[in-house]
C-alpha atoms as a PDB file:
ATOM      1  CA  UNK A   1      -6.278 253.297 -15.601  1.00  0.00           C
ATOM      2  CA  UNK A   2      -4.341 256.230 -14.467  1.00  0.00           C
ATOM      3  CA  UNK A   3      -0.643 255.858 -14.079  1.00  0.00           C
ATOM      4  CA  UNK A   4       0.613 255.804 -10.570  1.00  0.00           C
ATOM      5  CA  UNK A   5       2.735 258.629  -9.461  1.00  0.00           C
ATOM      6  CA  UNK A   6       6.468 257.911  -9.447  1.00  0.00           C
ATOM      7  CA  UNK A   7       6.606 258.243  -5.702  1.00  0.00           C
ATOM      8  CA  UNK A   8       3.994 255.545  -5.091  1.00  0.00           C
ATOM      9  CA  UNK A   9       5.638 253.196  -7.605  1.00  0.00           C
ATOM     10  CA  UNK A  10       8.962 253.553  -5.805  1.00  0.00           C
ATOM     11  CA  UNK A  11       7.440 252.661  -2.438  1.00  0.00           C
ATOM     12  CA  UNK A  12       5.782 249.531  -3.870  1.00  0.00           C
ATOM     13  CA  UNK A  13       9.080 248.267  -5.304  1.00  0.00           C
ATOM     14  CA  UNK A  14      10.877 248.827  -1.988  1.00  0.00           C
ATOM     15  CA  UNK A  15       8.206 246.843  -0.080  1.00  0.00           C
ATOM     16  CA  UNK A  16       8.347 243.978  -2.605  1.00  0.00           C
ATOM     17  CA  UNK A  17      12.162 243.743  -2.300  1.00  0.00           C
ATOM     18  CA  UNK A  18      12.008 243.611   1.483  1.00  0.00           C
ATOM     19  CA  UNK A  19       9.584 240.659   1.410  1.00  0.00           C
ATOM     20  CA  UNK A  20      11.794 238.777  -1.051  1.00  0.00           C
ATOM     21  CA  UNK A  21      14.815 239.209   1.175  1.00  0.00           C
ATOM     22  CA  UNK A  22      13.063 237.561   4.133  1.00  0.00           C
ATOM     23  CA  UNK A  23      11.396 234.617   2.324  1.00  0.00           C
ATOM     24  CA  UNK A  24      13.198 232.994  -0.629  1.00  0.00           C
ATOM     25  CA  UNK A  25       9.987 231.195  -1.639  1.00  0.00           C
ATOM     26  CA  UNK A  26       7.731 234.202  -1.440  1.00  0.00           C
ATOM     27  CA  UNK A  27       5.682 234.819  -4.611  1.00  0.00           C
ATOM     28  CA  UNK A  28       6.236 231.303  -6.038  1.00  0.00           C
ATOM     29  CA  UNK A  29       3.216 229.314  -7.071  1.00  0.00           C
ATOM     30  CA  UNK A  30       2.851 225.837  -5.440  1.00  0.00           C
ATOM     31  CA  UNK A  31       4.263 226.688  -2.035  1.00  0.00           C
ATOM     32  CA  UNK A  32       1.484 226.589   0.476  1.00  0.00           C
ATOM     33  CA  UNK A  33       2.846 228.330   3.489  1.00  0.00           C
ATOM     34  CA  UNK A  34       1.841 227.086   6.904  1.00  0.00           C
ATOM     35  CA  UNK A  35       0.122 229.824   8.743  1.00  0.00           C
ATOM     36  CA  UNK A  36       1.686 228.728  12.058  1.00  0.00           C
ATOM     37  CA  UNK A  37       5.240 228.792  10.709  1.00  0.00           C
ATOM     38  CA  UNK A  38       7.233 231.931  11.338  1.00  0.00           C
ATOM     39  CA  UNK A  39       8.013 233.943   8.281  1.00  0.00           C
ATOM     40  CA  UNK A  40      11.808 233.569   8.756  1.00  0.00           C
ATOM     41  CA  UNK A  41      11.801 229.710   8.685  1.00  0.00           C
ATOM     42  CA  UNK A  42      13.540 228.598   5.463  1.00  0.00           C
ATOM     43  CA  UNK A  43      11.614 225.312   5.526  1.00  0.00           C
ATOM     44  CA  UNK A  44       8.245 226.874   6.106  1.00  0.00           C
ATOM     45  CA  UNK A  45       5.265 225.072   4.490  1.00  0.00           C
ATOM     46  CA  UNK A  46       7.148 221.692   4.521  1.00  0.00           C
ATOM     47  CA  UNK A  47       5.380 218.772   6.268  1.00  0.00           C
ATOM     48  CA  UNK A  48       8.452 217.371   8.076  1.00  0.00           C
ATOM     49  CA  UNK A  49       9.092 218.350  11.663  1.00  0.00           C
ATOM     50  CA  UNK A  50      12.024 220.604  12.098  1.00  0.00           C
ATOM     51  CA  UNK A  51      14.684 218.628  14.116  1.00  0.00           C
ATOM     52  CA  UNK A  52      16.981 220.224  16.573  1.00  0.00           C
ATOM     53  CA  UNK A  53      20.590 220.544  15.534  1.00  0.00           C
ATOM     54  CA  UNK A  54      21.920 218.363  18.451  1.00  0.00           C
ATOM     55  CA  UNK A  55      19.518 215.388  18.120  1.00  0.00           C
ATOM     56  CA  UNK A  56      21.434 212.347  16.600  1.00  0.00           C
ATOM     57  CA  UNK A  57      18.141 210.673  15.684  1.00  0.00           C
ATOM     58  CA  UNK A  58      16.630 213.691  13.843  1.00  0.00           C
ATOM     59  CA  UNK A  59      14.369 212.690  10.995  1.00  0.00           C
ATOM     60  CA  UNK A  60      14.005 209.087  12.184  1.00  0.00           C
ATOM     61  CA  UNK A  61      10.811 207.413  13.289  1.00  0.00           C
ATOM     62  CA  UNK A  62      11.360 207.109  17.038  1.00  0.00           C
ATOM     63  CA  UNK A  63       8.114 205.283  17.818  1.00  0.00           C
ATOM     64  CA  UNK A  64       9.612 201.797  17.304  1.00  0.00           C
ATOM     65  CA  UNK A  65      12.772 202.209  19.402  1.00  0.00           C
ATOM     66  CA  UNK A  66      13.167 201.707  23.123  1.00  0.00           C
ATOM     67  CA  UNK A  67      14.937 204.743  24.510  1.00  0.00           C
ATOM     68  CA  UNK A  68      14.511 203.975  28.199  1.00  0.00           C
ATOM     69  CA  UNK A  69      18.269 204.414  28.739  1.00  0.00           C
ATOM     70  CA  UNK A  70      20.424 207.521  28.345  1.00  0.00           C
ATOM     71  CA  UNK A  71      21.850 208.418  24.913  1.00  0.00           C
ATOM     72  CA  UNK A  72      25.425 207.459  25.968  1.00  0.00           C
ATOM     73  CA  UNK A  73      24.414 203.897  27.041  1.00  0.00           C
ATOM     74  CA  UNK A  74      26.160 201.408  24.620  1.00  0.00           C
ATOM     75  CA  UNK A  75      23.219 199.019  25.094  1.00  0.00           C
ATOM     76  CA  UNK A  76      20.592 201.649  24.151  1.00  0.00           C
ATOM     77  CA  UNK A  77      17.635 200.060  22.386  1.00  0.00           C
ATOM     78  CA  UNK A  78      18.318 196.578  23.761  1.00  0.00           C
ATOM     79  CA  UNK A  79      15.929 194.911  26.146  1.00  0.00           C
ATOM     80  CA  UNK A  80      18.035 193.413  29.028  1.00  0.00           C
ATOM     81  CA  UNK A  81      16.972 192.194  32.519  1.00  0.00           C
ATOM     82  CA  UNK A  82      18.288 194.291  35.337  1.00  0.00           C
ATOM     83  CA  UNK A  83      20.385 192.662  38.091  1.00  0.00           C
ATOM     84  CA  UNK A  84      20.965 194.090  41.567  1.00  0.00           C
ATOM     85  CA  UNK A  85      23.968 196.377  41.828  1.00  0.00           C
ATOM     86  CA  UNK A  86      25.421 194.315  44.708  1.00  0.00           C
ATOM     87  CA  UNK A  87      25.712 191.163  42.583  1.00  0.00           C
ATOM     88  CA  UNK A  88      23.819 188.970  45.062  1.00  0.00           C
ATOM     89  CA  UNK A  89      21.711 186.165  43.595  1.00  0.00           C
ATOM     90  CA  UNK A  90      17.992 186.700  43.293  1.00  0.00           C
ATOM     91  CA  UNK A  91      17.404 183.728  45.598  1.00  0.00           C
ATOM     92  CA  UNK A  92      20.313 183.648  48.127  1.00  0.00           C
ATOM     93  CA  UNK A  93      21.324 180.302  49.680  1.00  0.00           C
ATOM     94  CA  UNK A  94      19.782 180.013  53.148  1.00  0.00           C
ATOM     95  CA  UNK A  95      22.037 179.763  56.203  1.00  0.00           C
ATOM     96  CA  UNK A  96      22.481 176.082  57.295  1.00  0.00           C
ATOM     97  CA  UNK A  97      20.643 175.221  60.455  1.00  0.00           C
ATOM     98  CA  UNK A  98      21.837 172.971  63.267  1.00  0.00           C
ATOM     99  CA  UNK A  99      19.688 170.160  61.861  1.00  0.00           C
ATOM    100  CA  UNK A 100      21.300 170.568  58.419  1.00  0.00           C
ATOM    101  CA  UNK A 101      24.814 170.393  59.887  1.00  0.00           C
ATOM    102  CA  UNK A 102      23.938 167.339  61.999  1.00  0.00           C
ATOM    103  CA  UNK A 103      22.538 165.569  58.932  1.00  0.00           C
ATOM    104  CA  UNK A 104      25.636 166.384  56.866  1.00  0.00           C
ATOM    105  CA  UNK A 105      28.134 165.314  59.565  1.00  0.00           C
ATOM    106  CA  UNK A 106      26.628 162.459  61.580  1.00  0.00           C
ATOM    107  CA  UNK A 107      28.401 160.894  64.553  1.00  0.00           C
ATOM    108  CA  UNK A 108      30.170 157.793  63.236  1.00  0.00           C
ATOM    109  CA  UNK A 109      30.408 154.595  65.234  1.00  0.00           C
ATOM    110  CA  UNK A 110      33.869 153.099  64.595  1.00  0.00           C
ATOM    111  CA  UNK A 111      32.376 149.593  64.542  1.00  0.00           C
ATOM    112  CA  UNK A 112      29.202 150.409  62.626  1.00  0.00           C
ATOM    113  CA  UNK A 113      30.751 149.799  59.209  1.00  0.00           C
ATOM    114  CA  UNK A 114      31.529 146.397  57.815  1.00  0.00           C
ATOM    115  CA  UNK A 115      35.155 145.360  57.923  1.00  0.00           C
ATOM    116  CA  UNK A 116      36.841 143.227  55.358  1.00  0.00           C
ATOM    117  CA  UNK A 117      37.492 139.717  56.667  1.00  0.00           C
ATOM    118  CA  UNK A 118      40.990 139.712  55.207  1.00  0.00           C
ATOM    119  CA  UNK A 119      43.882 138.624  57.397  1.00  0.00           C
ATOM    120  CA  UNK A 120      46.725 141.131  57.806  1.00  0.00           C
ATOM    121  CA  UNK A 121      50.037 141.218  59.624  1.00  0.00           C
ATOM    122  CA  UNK A 122      52.859 143.605  60.513  1.00  0.00           C
ATOM    123  CA  UNK A 123      56.313 142.913  61.990  1.00  0.00           C
ATOM    124  CA  UNK A 124      58.332 145.930  63.155  1.00  0.00           C
ATOM    125  CA  UNK A 125      61.927 145.758  64.373  1.00  0.00           C
ATOM    126  CA  UNK A 126      61.632 149.032  66.249  1.00  0.00           C
ATOM    127  CA  UNK A 127      65.285 148.930  67.187  1.00  0.00           C
ATOM    128  CA  UNK A 128      68.097 146.536  66.424  1.00  0.00           C
ATOM    129  CA  UNK A 129      71.253 148.203  67.682  1.00  0.00           C
ATOM    130  CA  UNK A 130      74.712 147.878  69.133  1.00  0.00           C
ATOM    131  CA  UNK A 131      76.980 149.953  71.377  1.00  0.00           C
ATOM    132  CA  UNK A 132      80.453 150.063  72.872  1.00  0.00           C
ATOM    133  CA  UNK A 133      81.050 152.111  76.039  1.00  0.00           C
ATOM    134  CA  UNK A 134      82.912 152.007  79.356  1.00  0.00           C
ATOM    135  CA  UNK A 135      80.771 149.121  80.589  1.00  0.00           C
ATOM    136  CA  UNK A 136      81.584 147.004  77.543  1.00  0.00           C
ATOM    137  CA  UNK A 137      80.011 146.289  74.186  1.00  0.00           C
ATOM    138  CA  UNK A 138      76.507 145.040  73.720  1.00  0.00           C
ATOM    139  CA  UNK A 139      73.544 144.599  71.445  1.00  0.00           C
ATOM    140  CA  UNK A 140      69.820 145.120  71.991  1.00  0.00           C
ATOM    141  CA  UNK A 141      66.533 144.553  70.211  1.00  0.00           C
ATOM    142  CA  UNK A 142      62.882 145.502  70.416  1.00  0.00           C
ATOM    143  CA  UNK A 143      60.252 143.820  68.231  1.00  0.00           C
ATOM    144  CA  UNK A 144      56.490 144.406  67.868  1.00  0.00           C
ATOM    145  CA  UNK A 145      54.317 142.202  65.666  1.00  0.00           C
ATOM    146  CA  UNK A 146      50.587 141.658  65.170  1.00  0.00           C
ATOM    147  CA  UNK A 147      48.457 139.276  63.129  1.00  0.00           C
ATOM    148  CA  UNK A 148      44.707 139.556  62.513  1.00  0.00           C
ATOM    149  CA  UNK A 149      42.194 142.154  61.338  1.00  0.00           C
ATOM    150  CA  UNK A 150      41.160 145.660  62.389  1.00  0.00           C
ATOM    151  CA  UNK A 151      39.255 144.504  65.485  1.00  0.00           C
ATOM    152  CA  UNK A 152      40.953 141.352  66.816  1.00  0.00           C
ATOM    153  CA  UNK A 153      44.685 140.712  66.729  1.00  0.00           C
ATOM    154  CA  UNK A 154      47.402 138.516  68.153  1.00  0.00           C
ATOM    155  CA  UNK A 155      50.269 140.651  69.449  1.00  0.00           C
ATOM    156  CA  UNK A 156      53.811 139.300  69.901  1.00  0.00           C
ATOM    157  CA  UNK A 157      56.554 141.351  71.538  1.00  0.00           C
ATOM    158  CA  UNK A 158      60.116 140.728  72.489  1.00  0.00           C
ATOM    159  CA  UNK A 159      62.930 142.820  73.923  1.00  0.00           C
ATOM    160  CA  UNK A 160      66.302 142.137  75.485  1.00  0.00           C
ATOM    161  CA  UNK A 161      70.027 142.645  75.162  1.00  0.00           C
ATOM    162  CA  UNK A 162      73.367 140.875  75.044  1.00  0.00           C
ATOM    163  CA  UNK A 163      76.489 142.010  76.873  1.00  0.00           C
ATOM    164  CA  UNK A 164      80.086 140.930  76.228  1.00  0.00           C
ATOM    165  CA  UNK A 165      78.871 138.151  73.945  1.00  0.00           C
ATOM    166  CA  UNK A 166      76.463 136.703  76.478  1.00  0.00           C
ATOM    167  CA  UNK A 167      72.660 136.819  76.450  1.00  0.00           C
ATOM    168  CA  UNK A 168      71.385 138.822  79.407  1.00  0.00           C
ATOM    169  CA  UNK A 169      67.767 139.650  80.320  1.00  0.00           C
ATOM    170  CA  UNK A 170      65.078 139.172  77.693  1.00  0.00           C
ATOM    171  CA  UNK A 171      61.293 138.802  77.569  1.00  0.00           C
ATOM    172  CA  UNK A 172      58.477 137.664  75.250  1.00  0.00           C
ATOM    173  CA  UNK A 173      54.814 138.757  75.377  1.00  0.00           C
ATOM    174  CA  UNK A 174      51.915 136.891  73.715  1.00  0.00           C
ATOM    175  CA  UNK A 175      48.739 139.000  73.877  1.00  0.00           C
ATOM    176  CA  UNK A 176      45.241 139.047  72.458  1.00  0.00           C
ATOM    177  CA  UNK A 177      44.171 142.568  71.450  1.00  0.00           C
ATOM    178  CA  UNK A 178      40.667 143.889  70.881  1.00  0.00           C
ATOM    179  CA  UNK A 179      39.937 147.348  69.491  1.00  0.00           C
ATOM    180  CA  UNK A 180      37.671 149.389  71.785  1.00  0.00           C
ATOM    181  CA  UNK A 181      37.843 152.665  69.837  1.00  0.00           C
ATOM    182  CA  UNK A 182      39.359 154.104  66.724  1.00  0.00           C
ATOM    183  CA  UNK A 183      42.698 154.641  68.493  1.00  0.00           C
ATOM    184  CA  UNK A 184      42.917 152.255  71.450  1.00  0.00           C
ATOM    185  CA  UNK A 185      43.196 148.501  72.026  1.00  0.00           C
ATOM    186  CA  UNK A 186      42.810 146.428  75.168  1.00  0.00           C
ATOM    187  CA  UNK A 187      45.315 143.578  75.348  1.00  0.00           C
ATOM    188  CA  UNK A 188      45.624 140.563  77.638  1.00  0.00           C
ATOM    189  CA  UNK A 189      47.857 137.493  77.718  1.00  0.00           C
ATOM    190  CA  UNK A 190      51.089 136.213  79.246  1.00  0.00           C
ATOM    191  CA  UNK A 191      54.654 137.454  79.626  1.00  0.00           C
ATOM    192  CA  UNK A 192      57.745 135.317  80.020  1.00  0.00           C
ATOM    193  CA  UNK A 193      61.028 136.729  81.385  1.00  0.00           C
ATOM    194  CA  UNK A 194      64.413 135.035  81.351  1.00  0.00           C
ATOM    195  CA  UNK A 195      67.949 136.016  82.215  1.00  0.00           C
ATOM    196  CA  UNK A 196      71.474 134.754  82.693  1.00  0.00           C
ATOM    197  CA  UNK A 197      71.461 135.139  86.509  1.00  0.00           C
ATOM    198  CA  UNK A 198      67.820 134.484  87.428  1.00  0.00           C
ATOM    199  CA  UNK A 199      65.233 131.744  86.990  1.00  0.00           C
ATOM    200  CA  UNK A 200      62.389 131.992  84.482  1.00  0.00           C
ATOM    201  CA  UNK A 201      59.377 134.096  85.376  1.00  0.00           C
ATOM    202  CA  UNK A 202      55.937 133.767  83.747  1.00  0.00           C
ATOM    203  CA  UNK A 203      53.148 136.216  84.612  1.00  0.00           C
ATOM    204  CA  UNK A 204      49.730 137.323  83.426  1.00  0.00           C
ATOM    205  CA  UNK A 205      49.625 140.550  81.433  1.00  0.00           C
ATOM    206  CA  UNK A 206      46.803 143.026  80.828  1.00  0.00           C
ATOM    207  CA  UNK A 207      46.831 146.602  79.604  1.00  0.00           C
ATOM    208  CA  UNK A 208      45.940 149.232  77.027  1.00  0.00           C
ATOM    209  CA  UNK A 209      47.850 150.637  74.083  1.00  0.00           C
ATOM    210  CA  UNK A 210      47.175 153.129  71.333  1.00  0.00           C
ATOM    211  CA  UNK A 211      47.603 156.624  70.015  1.00  0.00           C
ATOM    212  CA  UNK A 212      47.058 159.474  72.482  1.00  0.00           C
ATOM    213  CA  UNK A 213      46.220 163.061  71.449  1.00  0.00           C
ATOM    214  CA  UNK A 214      49.015 164.828  69.553  1.00  0.00           C
ATOM    215  CA  UNK A 215      50.120 161.416  68.171  1.00  0.00           C
ATOM    216  CA  UNK A 216      51.907 160.089  71.242  1.00  0.00           C
ATOM    217  CA  UNK A 217      52.142 156.299  71.064  1.00  0.00           C
ATOM    218  CA  UNK A 218      51.473 154.909  74.548  1.00  0.00           C
ATOM    219  CA  UNK A 219      51.440 151.531  76.248  1.00  0.00           C
ATOM    220  CA  UNK A 220      50.520 150.787  79.877  1.00  0.00           C
ATOM    221  CA  UNK A 221      50.873 147.145  80.946  1.00  0.00           C
ATOM    222  CA  UNK A 222      50.250 145.465  84.303  1.00  0.00           C
ATOM    223  CA  UNK A 223      52.056 142.174  85.007  1.00  0.00           C
ATOM    224  CA  UNK A 224      50.569 140.053  87.766  1.00  0.00           C
ATOM    225  CA  UNK A 225      52.059 137.085  89.667  1.00  0.00           C
ATOM    226  CA  UNK A 226      55.479 135.858  90.714  1.00  0.00           C
ATOM    227  CA  UNK A 227      57.719 137.280  93.454  1.00  0.00           C
ATOM    228  CA  UNK A 228      56.949 140.895  92.484  1.00  0.00           C
ATOM    229  CA  UNK A 229      53.175 140.274  92.741  1.00  0.00           C
ATOM    230  CA  UNK A 230      52.454 143.217  90.458  1.00  0.00           C
ATOM    231  CA  UNK A 231      54.419 145.470  88.134  1.00  0.00           C
ATOM    232  CA  UNK A 232      53.327 148.430  86.027  1.00  0.00           C
ATOM    233  CA  UNK A 233      55.333 149.236  82.896  1.00  0.00           C
ATOM    234  CA  UNK A 234      54.623 152.441  80.943  1.00  0.00           C
ATOM    235  CA  UNK A 235      56.155 153.409  77.589  1.00  0.00           C
ATOM    236  CA  UNK A 236      55.689 156.632  75.590  1.00  0.00           C
ATOM    237  CA  UNK A 237      57.248 157.466  72.241  1.00  0.00           C
ATOM    238  CA  UNK A 238      56.801 160.173  69.643  1.00  0.00           C
ATOM    239  CA  UNK A 239      58.012 160.728  66.074  1.00  0.00           C
ATOM    240  CA  UNK A 240      59.246 164.241  65.218  1.00  0.00           C
ATOM    241  CA  UNK A 241      59.359 164.684  61.445  1.00  0.00           C
ATOM    242  CA  UNK A 242      62.321 166.983  60.761  1.00  0.00           C
ATOM    243  CA  UNK A 243      61.849 166.210  57.064  1.00  0.00           C
ATOM    244  CA  UNK A 244      59.816 163.597  55.218  1.00  0.00           C
ATOM    245  CA  UNK A 245      62.656 161.098  55.720  1.00  0.00           C
ATOM    246  CA  UNK A 246      64.655 162.401  58.692  1.00  0.00           C
ATOM    247  CA  UNK A 247      62.783 161.499  61.892  1.00  0.00           C
ATOM    248  CA  UNK A 248      63.712 162.070  65.538  1.00  0.00           C
ATOM    249  CA  UNK A 249      62.171 159.567  67.978  1.00  0.00           C
ATOM    250  CA  UNK A 250      62.244 160.196  71.752  1.00  0.00           C
ATOM    251  CA  UNK A 251      61.252 157.216  73.946  1.00  0.00           C
ATOM    252  CA  UNK A 252      60.668 157.036  77.712  1.00  0.00           C
ATOM    253  CA  UNK A 253      60.078 153.793  79.670  1.00  0.00           C
ATOM    254  CA  UNK A 254      59.341 153.506  83.402  1.00  0.00           C
ATOM    255  CA  UNK A 255      58.663 150.564  85.708  1.00  0.00           C
ATOM    256  CA  UNK A 256      56.940 150.509  89.120  1.00  0.00           C
ATOM    257  CA  UNK A 257      57.041 147.302  91.233  1.00  0.00           C
ATOM    258  CA  UNK A 258      54.785 146.283  94.143  1.00  0.00           C
ATOM    259  CA  UNK A 259      57.304 144.025  95.985  1.00  0.00           C
ATOM    260  CA  UNK A 260      61.005 143.156  96.083  1.00  0.00           C
ATOM    261  CA  UNK A 261      62.478 140.519  93.771  1.00  0.00           C
ATOM    262  CA  UNK A 262      66.048 140.047  95.077  1.00  0.00           C
ATOM    263  CA  UNK A 263      66.860 137.216  92.669  1.00  0.00           C
ATOM    264  CA  UNK A 264      66.564 139.628  89.743  1.00  0.00           C
ATOM    265  CA  UNK A 265      67.834 142.713  91.561  1.00  0.00           C
ATOM    266  CA  UNK A 266      64.462 144.509  91.455  1.00  0.00           C
ATOM    267  CA  UNK A 267      63.058 146.399  94.470  1.00  0.00           C
ATOM    268  CA  UNK A 268      59.603 147.795  95.181  1.00  0.00           C
ATOM    269  CA  UNK A 269      58.561 151.326  94.209  1.00  0.00           C
ATOM    270  CA  UNK A 270      59.862 153.147  91.182  1.00  0.00           C
ATOM    271  CA  UNK A 271      62.329 150.620  89.849  1.00  0.00           C
ATOM    272  CA  UNK A 272      63.914 152.096  86.710  1.00  0.00           C
ATOM    273  CA  UNK A 273      63.558 154.749  84.001  1.00  0.00           C
ATOM    274  CA  UNK A 274      65.133 154.591  80.562  1.00  0.00           C
ATOM    275  CA  UNK A 275      65.108 157.501  78.084  1.00  0.00           C
ATOM    276  CA  UNK A 276      66.329 157.278  74.530  1.00  0.00           C
ATOM    277  CA  UNK A 277      66.669 159.651  71.604  1.00  0.00           C
ATOM    278  CA  UNK A 278      67.164 158.129  68.147  1.00  0.00           C
ATOM    279  CA  UNK A 279      67.573 159.933  64.834  1.00  0.00           C
ATOM    280  CA  UNK A 280      66.788 157.809  61.794  1.00  0.00           C
ATOM    281  CA  UNK A 281      66.855 158.348  58.059  1.00  0.00           C
ATOM    282  CA  UNK A 282      64.291 156.402  56.069  1.00  0.00           C
ATOM    283  CA  UNK A 283      66.033 155.271  52.888  1.00  0.00           C
ATOM    284  CA  UNK A 284      62.692 153.655  52.155  1.00  0.00           C
ATOM    285  CA  UNK A 285      59.615 153.624  54.362  1.00  0.00           C
ATOM    286  CA  UNK A 286      60.484 150.054  55.339  1.00  0.00           C
ATOM    287  CA  UNK A 287      64.183 150.502  56.094  1.00  0.00           C
ATOM    288  CA  UNK A 288      65.946 153.198  58.134  1.00  0.00           C
ATOM    289  CA  UNK A 289      69.406 153.295  59.771  1.00  0.00           C
ATOM    290  CA  UNK A 290      69.727 155.434  62.895  1.00  0.00           C
ATOM    291  CA  UNK A 291      72.039 156.758  65.591  1.00  0.00           C
ATOM    292  CA  UNK A 292      71.013 157.657  69.120  1.00  0.00           C
ATOM    293  CA  UNK A 293      71.706 158.151  72.771  1.00  0.00           C
ATOM    294  CA  UNK A 294      70.209 156.105  75.639  1.00  0.00           C
ATOM    295  CA  UNK A 295      70.355 156.757  79.376  1.00  0.00           C
ATOM    296  CA  UNK A 296      69.076 154.265  81.997  1.00  0.00           C
ATOM    297  CA  UNK A 297      68.903 154.748  85.759  1.00  0.00           C
ATOM    298  CA  UNK A 298      67.708 152.703  88.750  1.00  0.00           C
ATOM    299  CA  UNK A 299      65.852 154.174  91.742  1.00  0.00           C
ATOM    300  CA  UNK A 300      64.911 153.255  95.322  1.00  0.00           C
ATOM    301  CA  UNK A 301      65.277 149.677  96.482  1.00  0.00           C
ATOM    302  CA  UNK A 302      66.340 148.558  93.028  1.00  0.00           C
ATOM    303  CA  UNK A 303      69.334 150.900  93.153  1.00  0.00           C
ATOM    304  CA  UNK A 304      70.244 149.569  96.624  1.00  0.00           C
ATOM    305  CA  UNK A 305      70.138 145.942  95.432  1.00  0.00           C
ATOM    306  CA  UNK A 306      72.340 146.776  92.435  1.00  0.00           C
ATOM    307  CA  UNK A 307      74.906 148.580  94.574  1.00  0.00           C
ATOM    308  CA  UNK A 308      75.045 145.570  96.903  1.00  0.00           C
ATOM    309  CA  UNK A 309      75.723 143.322  93.905  1.00  0.00           C
ATOM    310  CA  UNK A 310      78.452 145.643  92.619  1.00  0.00           C
ATOM    311  CA  UNK A 311      76.492 146.791  89.567  1.00  0.00           C
ATOM    312  CA  UNK A 312      76.131 150.364  88.322  1.00  0.00           C
ATOM    313  CA  UNK A 313      72.892 152.196  89.045  1.00  0.00           C
ATOM    314  CA  UNK A 314      73.035 154.334  85.887  1.00  0.00           C
ATOM    315  CA  UNK A 315      74.360 153.880  82.392  1.00  0.00           C
ATOM    316  CA  UNK A 316      74.656 156.049  79.280  1.00  0.00           C
ATOM    317  CA  UNK A 317      75.523 154.798  75.827  1.00  0.00           C
ATOM    318  CA  UNK A 318      75.667 155.878  72.212  1.00  0.00           C
ATOM    319  CA  UNK A 319      73.948 153.428  69.910  1.00  0.00           C
ATOM    320  CA  UNK A 320      73.707 152.774  66.185  1.00  0.00           C
ATOM    321  CA  UNK A 321      71.313 150.432  64.470  1.00  0.00           C
ATOM    322  CA  UNK A 322      68.562 149.895  61.943  1.00  0.00           C
ATOM    323  CA  UNK A 323      64.786 149.971  62.019  1.00  0.00           C
ATOM    324  CA  UNK A 324      62.757 148.012  59.475  1.00  0.00           C
ATOM    325  CA  UNK A 325      59.343 146.418  59.034  1.00  0.00           C
ATOM    326  CA  UNK A 326      57.569 144.008  56.756  1.00  0.00           C
END
């Protein structure tokens, strides 16, 4: 073989050095270069896929992982059921119909339920008081009592007053009461009146009593017979709770008479009106002392009869007393 010229040998060495600079594995036995790999890839001829520099899962088998969520999802790879963004349940509760409301809140008959046959009673001294004013000293009382059950009761009432140590007018009612609703009773019976300057008077009594709207306690009684023939007595009272124990009680009583009764100084028409205001403090629920103010006035023919007898037609007094029940 002829020796190559020095110029050709120099060119061959320069070409060989350039190839070595581009591929560090060039010329080594055992490296099977991939024909599709660019010549400048340092990992050319390797079987692994070339990962990108910003892929956190490079080199891992991704076929067994669920990447349905973004890379920054903390629950990536977990299988979780999706809920609506609004937070409403999948099966919302239906709106109640009129039939549903009627079934849930039926109209109750106050007498449809069974009542216990037990016998109960209550005695209330609504006022037991005394006073001392320009017309002299005196004492008065008002008592309500009932005995029976929720439907049928025996009612006993008494009211009256003493003046200057002498018993003046007083009355007693004995009534049978029957409940006709949850708040009202019908009562019927007899009333007996007595006094220091007039004969006894016994009359029939019939009326209604109960709790009106806004918790007004009301009583309307008609008394039939005797010289007056008929008399209507109406009473309204209300408890104002200033505190749980301090209670203000206004009371108004009015009487209308059908005919004159000169022996007792009562004339027909609007006979009298009495208004009282009592402030009590309940030391216990059963016992309460009180102070109050009462004003009474006569009207019409009754006022004329009292003037003719030399009696006053109006009277005001401060009172103090106790209220208790058992």
